[in-house]
Amino acid sequence: PHEQYIRDQKIDSLYEGTTAIQGLDLIFRKIMRDQGSTLQSIIRRVQTTLAHEEGGDELLPERAALARSLQYFGGILEIMMGKAGESLYYVGLHSTRILFSLSELLIGWLLIRQAAVALDQLENASGNDIFFYQGKVASARYFCAEELPRIGLAHKIIKDSSLSLMELPEEAF
């Protein structure tokens, strides 16, 4: 088992490095490349889902959670514009949080869209299809209640962050 433990430990560092690289790639090569117009296009699609009230009253709490998360994510981008102007270290410090926040926002959006379709289909469903559609609705409810609030936490962490560790002399390490 020792060999397995060593392999497992190594993969953690590879995953973390890859995640950080993906976060930086998202910010510098995807968002900043076109001054955020692609991201704004996606956000408009999320806003359309909210405006059309997909899923009706059945998905009202989930759409409310998505709307809050969308506001928090917009706040994250706004905060980061100011902080990145102060120091690019902020981008490195928070790139993974931004990557995860955008991912969670888009997953929540897609789950709500799937749940809205499932609710429409449930009326005429039979057999195993009933369970399938119920699972789609339950997945959206769970994700919106348990995962989307993390975007608010990421917003708070980014807003309150400092570069105090970067100001320490090398000898402190």
C-alpha atoms as a PDB file:
ATOM      1  CA  PRO A   1       0.000   0.000   0.000  1.00  0.00           C
ATOM      2  CA  HIS A   2       2.957   2.396   0.422  1.00  0.00           C
ATOM      3  CA  GLU A   3       3.356   2.738  -3.314  1.00  0.00           C
ATOM      4  CA  GLN A   4      -0.338   3.546  -3.630  1.00  0.00           C
ATOM      5  CA  TYR A   5      -0.097   6.226  -0.936  1.00  0.00           C
ATOM      6  CA  ILE A   6       2.828   7.845  -2.729  1.00  0.00           C
ATOM      7  CA  ARG A   7       0.978   7.774  -6.072  1.00  0.00           C
ATOM      8  CA  ASP A   8      -2.152   9.197  -4.450  1.00  0.00           C
ATOM      9  CA  GLN A   9      -0.174  12.006  -2.843  1.00  0.00           C
ATOM     10  CA  LYS A  10       1.526  12.926  -6.131  1.00  0.00           C
ATOM     11  CA  ILE A  11      -1.738  13.149  -8.013  1.00  0.00           C
ATOM     12  CA  ASP A  12      -2.988  15.743  -5.484  1.00  0.00           C
ATOM     13  CA  SER A  13      -0.193  18.131  -6.457  1.00  0.00           C
ATOM     14  CA  LEU A  14      -0.899  17.560 -10.142  1.00  0.00           C
ATOM     15  CA  TYR A  15      -4.609  18.223  -9.691  1.00  0.00           C
ATOM     16  CA  GLU A  16      -4.002  21.397  -7.710  1.00  0.00           C
ATOM     17  CA  GLY A  17      -1.496  22.685 -10.234  1.00  0.00           C
ATOM     18  CA  THR A  18      -3.860  21.937 -13.080  1.00  0.00           C
ATOM     19  CA  THR A  19      -6.761  23.628 -11.301  1.00  0.00           C
ATOM     20  CA  ALA A  20      -4.727  26.784 -10.698  1.00  0.00           C
ATOM     21  CA  ILE A  21      -3.579  26.828 -14.315  1.00  0.00           C
ATOM     22  CA  GLN A  22      -7.178  26.428 -15.489  1.00  0.00           C
ATOM     23  CA  GLY A  23      -8.228  29.297 -13.221  1.00  0.00           C
ATOM     24  CA  LEU A  24      -5.540  31.581 -14.620  1.00  0.00           C
ATOM     25  CA  ASP A  25      -6.422  30.485 -18.148  1.00  0.00           C
ATOM     26  CA  LEU A  26     -10.077  31.313 -17.498  1.00  0.00           C
ATOM     27  CA  ILE A  27      -9.232  34.804 -16.303  1.00  0.00           C
ATOM     28  CA  PHE A  28      -6.481  35.796 -18.710  1.00  0.00           C
ATOM     29  CA  ARG A  29      -7.249  33.858 -21.892  1.00  0.00           C
ATOM     30  CA  LYS A  30     -11.014  33.471 -21.723  1.00  0.00           C
ATOM     31  CA  ILE A  31     -12.466  36.435 -19.847  1.00  0.00           C
ATOM     32  CA  MET A  32      -9.900  39.163 -20.555  1.00  0.00           C
ATOM     33  CA  ARG A  33      -9.257  38.058 -24.149  1.00  0.00           C
ATOM     34  CA  ASP A  34     -12.433  39.703 -25.422  1.00  0.00           C
ATOM     35  CA  GLN A  35     -12.986  42.085 -22.499  1.00  0.00           C
ATOM     36  CA  GLY A  36     -15.504  39.661 -21.056  1.00  0.00           C
ATOM     37  CA  SER A  37     -17.962  39.680 -23.955  1.00  0.00           C
ATOM     38  CA  THR A  38     -18.138  35.862 -24.149  1.00  0.00           C
ATOM     39  CA  LEU A  39     -18.738  35.658 -20.408  1.00  0.00           C
ATOM     40  CA  GLN A  40     -21.397  38.384 -20.672  1.00  0.00           C
ATOM     41  CA  SER A  41     -23.117  36.366 -23.385  1.00  0.00           C
ATOM     42  CA  ILE A  42     -23.318  33.363 -21.088  1.00  0.00           C
ATOM     43  CA  ILE A  43     -24.512  35.506 -18.186  1.00  0.00           C
ATOM     44  CA  ARG A  44     -27.273  36.937 -20.387  1.00  0.00           C
ATOM     45  CA  ARG A  45     -28.455  33.357 -21.001  1.00  0.00           C
ATOM     46  CA  VAL A  46     -28.602  32.770 -17.238  1.00  0.00           C
ATOM     47  CA  GLN A  47     -30.548  36.026 -16.853  1.00  0.00           C
ATOM     48  CA  THR A  48     -32.959  34.908 -19.571  1.00  0.00           C
ATOM     49  CA  THR A  49     -33.662  31.711 -17.656  1.00  0.00           C
ATOM     50  CA  LEU A  50     -34.381  33.791 -14.564  1.00  0.00           C
ATOM     51  CA  ALA A  51     -36.547  36.290 -16.470  1.00  0.00           C
ATOM     52  CA  HIS A  52     -38.652  33.573 -18.100  1.00  0.00           C
ATOM     53  CA  GLU A  53     -39.234  31.993 -14.697  1.00  0.00           C
ATOM     54  CA  GLU A  54     -38.498  28.524 -16.027  1.00  0.00           C
ATOM     55  CA  GLY A  55     -40.087  25.887 -13.812  1.00  0.00           C
ATOM     56  CA  GLY A  56     -42.722  28.294 -12.487  1.00  0.00           C
ATOM     57  CA  ASP A  57     -43.457  28.415  -8.770  1.00  0.00           C
ATOM     58  CA  GLU A  58     -42.049  24.899  -8.330  1.00  0.00           C
ATOM     59  CA  LEU A  59     -38.510  26.197  -8.876  1.00  0.00           C
ATOM     60  CA  LEU A  60     -38.895  29.620  -7.275  1.00  0.00           C
ATOM     61  CA  PRO A  61     -36.401  28.954  -4.420  1.00  0.00           C
ATOM     62  CA  GLU A  62     -33.877  27.514  -6.858  1.00  0.00           C
ATOM     63  CA  ARG A  63     -34.151  30.487  -9.214  1.00  0.00           C
ATOM     64  CA  ALA A  64     -33.776  32.822  -6.223  1.00  0.00           C
ATOM     65  CA  ALA A  65     -30.578  30.997  -5.211  1.00  0.00           C
ATOM     66  CA  LEU A  66     -29.309  31.265  -8.786  1.00  0.00           C
ATOM     67  CA  ALA A  67     -30.128  34.987  -8.900  1.00  0.00           C
ATOM     68  CA  ARG A  68     -28.204  35.581  -5.637  1.00  0.00           C
ATOM     69  CA  SER A  69     -25.282  33.579  -6.929  1.00  0.00           C
ATOM     70  CA  LEU A  70     -25.275  35.552 -10.158  1.00  0.00           C
ATOM     71  CA  GLN A  71     -25.123  38.786  -8.161  1.00  0.00           C
ATOM     72  CA  TYR A  72     -22.290  37.450  -6.037  1.00  0.00           C
ATOM     73  CA  PHE A  73     -20.364  36.334  -9.101  1.00  0.00           C
ATOM     74  CA  GLY A  74     -20.787  39.757 -10.692  1.00  0.00           C
ATOM     75  CA  GLY A  75     -19.499  41.239  -7.444  1.00  0.00           C
ATOM     76  CA  ILE A  76     -16.492  38.914  -7.538  1.00  0.00           C
ATOM     77  CA  LEU A  77     -15.575  40.150 -11.009  1.00  0.00           C
ATOM     78  CA  GLU A  78     -16.025  43.767  -9.974  1.00  0.00           C
ATOM     79  CA  ILE A  79     -13.877  43.332  -6.867  1.00  0.00           C
ATOM     80  CA  MET A  80     -11.194  41.514  -8.834  1.00  0.00           C
ATOM     81  CA  MET A  81     -10.963  44.310 -11.392  1.00  0.00           C
ATOM     82  CA  GLY A  82     -10.006  46.687  -8.613  1.00  0.00           C
ATOM     83  CA  LYS A  83      -7.731  44.268  -6.792  1.00  0.00           C
ATOM     84  CA  ALA A  84      -5.954  43.162  -9.982  1.00  0.00           C
ATOM     85  CA  GLY A  85      -5.206  46.834 -10.608  1.00  0.00           C
ATOM     86  CA  GLU A  86      -3.454  46.922  -7.239  1.00  0.00           C
ATOM     87  CA  SER A  87      -1.500  43.685  -7.764  1.00  0.00           C
ATOM     88  CA  LEU A  88      -1.624  40.683 -10.079  1.00  0.00           C
ATOM     89  CA  TYR A  89      -0.959  38.546  -7.007  1.00  0.00           C
ATOM     90  CA  TYR A  90      -4.694  38.843  -6.283  1.00  0.00           C
ATOM     91  CA  VAL A  91      -5.471  37.080  -9.556  1.00  0.00           C
ATOM     92  CA  GLY A  92      -3.184  34.208  -8.637  1.00  0.00           C
ATOM     93  CA  LEU A  93      -4.579  34.093  -5.130  1.00  0.00           C
ATOM     94  CA  HIS A  94      -8.212  33.869  -6.247  1.00  0.00           C
ATOM     95  CA  SER A  95      -8.145  32.303  -9.719  1.00  0.00           C
ATOM     96  CA  THR A  96      -9.265  28.901  -8.411  1.00  0.00           C
ATOM     97  CA  ARG A  97     -12.137  30.471  -6.437  1.00  0.00           C
ATOM     98  CA  ILE A  98     -13.261  32.328  -9.543  1.00  0.00           C
ATOM     99  CA  LEU A  99     -13.053  29.150 -11.629  1.00  0.00           C
ATOM    100  CA  PHE A 100     -15.102  27.201  -9.080  1.00  0.00           C
ATOM    101  CA  SER A 101     -17.631  30.024  -8.651  1.00  0.00           C
ATOM    102  CA  LEU A 102     -18.271  30.300 -12.368  1.00  0.00           C
ATOM    103  CA  SER A 103     -18.490  26.516 -12.643  1.00  0.00           C
ATOM    104  CA  GLU A 104     -20.993  26.303  -9.793  1.00  0.00           C
ATOM    105  CA  LEU A 105     -23.041  29.146 -11.245  1.00  0.00           C
ATOM    106  CA  LEU A 106     -23.277  27.459 -14.637  1.00  0.00           C
ATOM    107  CA  ILE A 107     -24.000  24.030 -13.172  1.00  0.00           C
ATOM    108  CA  GLY A 108     -26.824  25.536 -11.099  1.00  0.00           C
ATOM    109  CA  TRP A 109     -28.212  27.247 -14.183  1.00  0.00           C
ATOM    110  CA  LEU A 110     -28.127  24.061 -16.256  1.00  0.00           C
ATOM    111  CA  LEU A 111     -29.675  21.998 -13.459  1.00  0.00           C
ATOM    112  CA  ILE A 112     -32.548  24.482 -13.163  1.00  0.00           C
ATOM    113  CA  ARG A 113     -33.133  24.304 -16.904  1.00  0.00           C
ATOM    114  CA  GLN A 114     -33.159  20.490 -16.724  1.00  0.00           C
ATOM    115  CA  ALA A 115     -35.502  20.555 -13.736  1.00  0.00           C
ATOM    116  CA  ALA A 116     -37.915  22.850 -15.598  1.00  0.00           C
ATOM    117  CA  VAL A 117     -38.056  20.394 -18.512  1.00  0.00           C
ATOM    118  CA  ALA A 118     -38.452  17.502 -16.075  1.00  0.00           C
ATOM    119  CA  LEU A 119     -41.379  19.198 -14.338  1.00  0.00           C
ATOM    120  CA  ASP A 120     -43.100  19.650 -17.695  1.00  0.00           C
ATOM    121  CA  GLN A 121     -42.503  16.004 -18.584  1.00  0.00           C
ATOM    122  CA  LEU A 122     -43.590  14.608 -15.217  1.00  0.00           C
ATOM    123  CA  GLU A 123     -47.253  15.231 -15.967  1.00  0.00           C
ATOM    124  CA  ASN A 124     -47.280  12.610 -18.738  1.00  0.00           C
ATOM    125  CA  ALA A 125     -44.471  10.377 -17.499  1.00  0.00           C
ATOM    126  CA  SER A 126     -44.854   6.727 -16.606  1.00  0.00           C
ATOM    127  CA  GLY A 127     -42.706   3.912 -15.303  1.00  0.00           C
ATOM    128  CA  ASN A 128     -39.035   4.629 -14.716  1.00  0.00           C
ATOM    129  CA  ASP A 129     -39.344   8.010 -16.444  1.00  0.00           C
ATOM    130  CA  ILE A 130     -41.118   9.320 -13.351  1.00  0.00           C
ATOM    131  CA  PHE A 131     -38.089   8.528 -11.195  1.00  0.00           C
ATOM    132  CA  PHE A 132     -35.721   9.995 -13.784  1.00  0.00           C
ATOM    133  CA  TYR A 133     -37.583  13.309 -13.868  1.00  0.00           C
ATOM    134  CA  GLN A 134     -37.960  13.395 -10.093  1.00  0.00           C
ATOM    135  CA  GLY A 135     -34.203  12.892  -9.860  1.00  0.00           C
ATOM    136  CA  LYS A 136     -33.584  15.870 -12.151  1.00  0.00           C
ATOM    137  CA  VAL A 137     -35.739  18.102  -9.956  1.00  0.00           C
ATOM    138  CA  ALA A 138     -34.156  16.784  -6.750  1.00  0.00           C
ATOM    139  CA  SER A 139     -30.653  17.329  -8.142  1.00  0.00           C
ATOM    140  CA  ALA A 140     -31.428  20.947  -8.952  1.00  0.00           C
ATOM    141  CA  ARG A 141     -32.949  21.533  -5.525  1.00  0.00           C
ATOM    142  CA  TYR A 142     -29.987  19.976  -3.741  1.00  0.00           C
ATOM    143  CA  PHE A 143     -27.377  21.831  -5.769  1.00  0.00           C
ATOM    144  CA  CYS A 144     -29.076  25.207  -5.404  1.00  0.00           C
ATOM    145  CA  ALA A 145     -29.477  24.780  -1.650  1.00  0.00           C
ATOM    146  CA  GLU A 146     -26.126  23.192  -0.824  1.00  0.00           C
ATOM    147  CA  GLU A 147     -23.609  24.245  -3.464  1.00  0.00           C
ATOM    148  CA  LEU A 148     -24.620  27.647  -4.859  1.00  0.00           C
ATOM    149  CA  PRO A 149     -24.190  29.417  -1.486  1.00  0.00           C
ATOM    150  CA  ARG A 150     -20.435  28.804  -1.825  1.00  0.00           C
ATOM    151  CA  ILE A 151     -20.323  31.616  -4.375  1.00  0.00           C
ATOM    152  CA  GLY A 152     -21.387  34.028  -1.637  1.00  0.00           C
ATOM    153  CA  LEU A 153     -18.599  32.721   0.562  1.00  0.00           C
ATOM    154  CA  ALA A 154     -16.072  33.114  -2.270  1.00  0.00           C
ATOM    155  CA  HIS A 155     -17.303  36.702  -2.714  1.00  0.00           C
ATOM    156  CA  LYS A 156     -16.677  37.451   0.956  1.00  0.00           C
ATOM    157  CA  ILE A 157     -13.233  35.830   0.949  1.00  0.00           C
ATOM    158  CA  ILE A 158     -12.145  37.722  -2.168  1.00  0.00           C
ATOM    159  CA  LYS A 159     -13.572  41.011  -0.898  1.00  0.00           C
ATOM    160  CA  ASP A 160     -11.786  40.714   2.456  1.00  0.00           C
ATOM    161  CA  SER A 161      -8.505  39.312   1.112  1.00  0.00           C
ATOM    162  CA  SER A 162      -5.106  40.860   1.559  1.00  0.00           C
ATOM    163  CA  LEU A 163      -1.595  40.172   0.369  1.00  0.00           C
ATOM    164  CA  SER A 164      -0.099  40.176   3.851  1.00  0.00           C
ATOM    165  CA  LEU A 165       1.775  36.916   3.207  1.00  0.00           C
ATOM    166  CA  MET A 166       3.317  38.342   0.050  1.00  0.00           C
ATOM    167  CA  GLU A 167       4.701  41.245   2.072  1.00  0.00           C
ATOM    168  CA  LEU A 168       6.740  38.999   4.375  1.00  0.00           C
ATOM    169  CA  PRO A 169      10.437  38.701   3.682  1.00  0.00           C
ATOM    170  CA  GLU A 170      11.663  35.405   2.238  1.00  0.00           C
ATOM    171  CA  GLU A 171      13.424  34.660   5.498  1.00  0.00           C
ATOM    172  CA  ALA A 172      10.022  34.269   7.161  1.00  0.00           C
ATOM    173  CA  PHE A 173       9.547  31.066   5.230  1.00  0.00           C
END
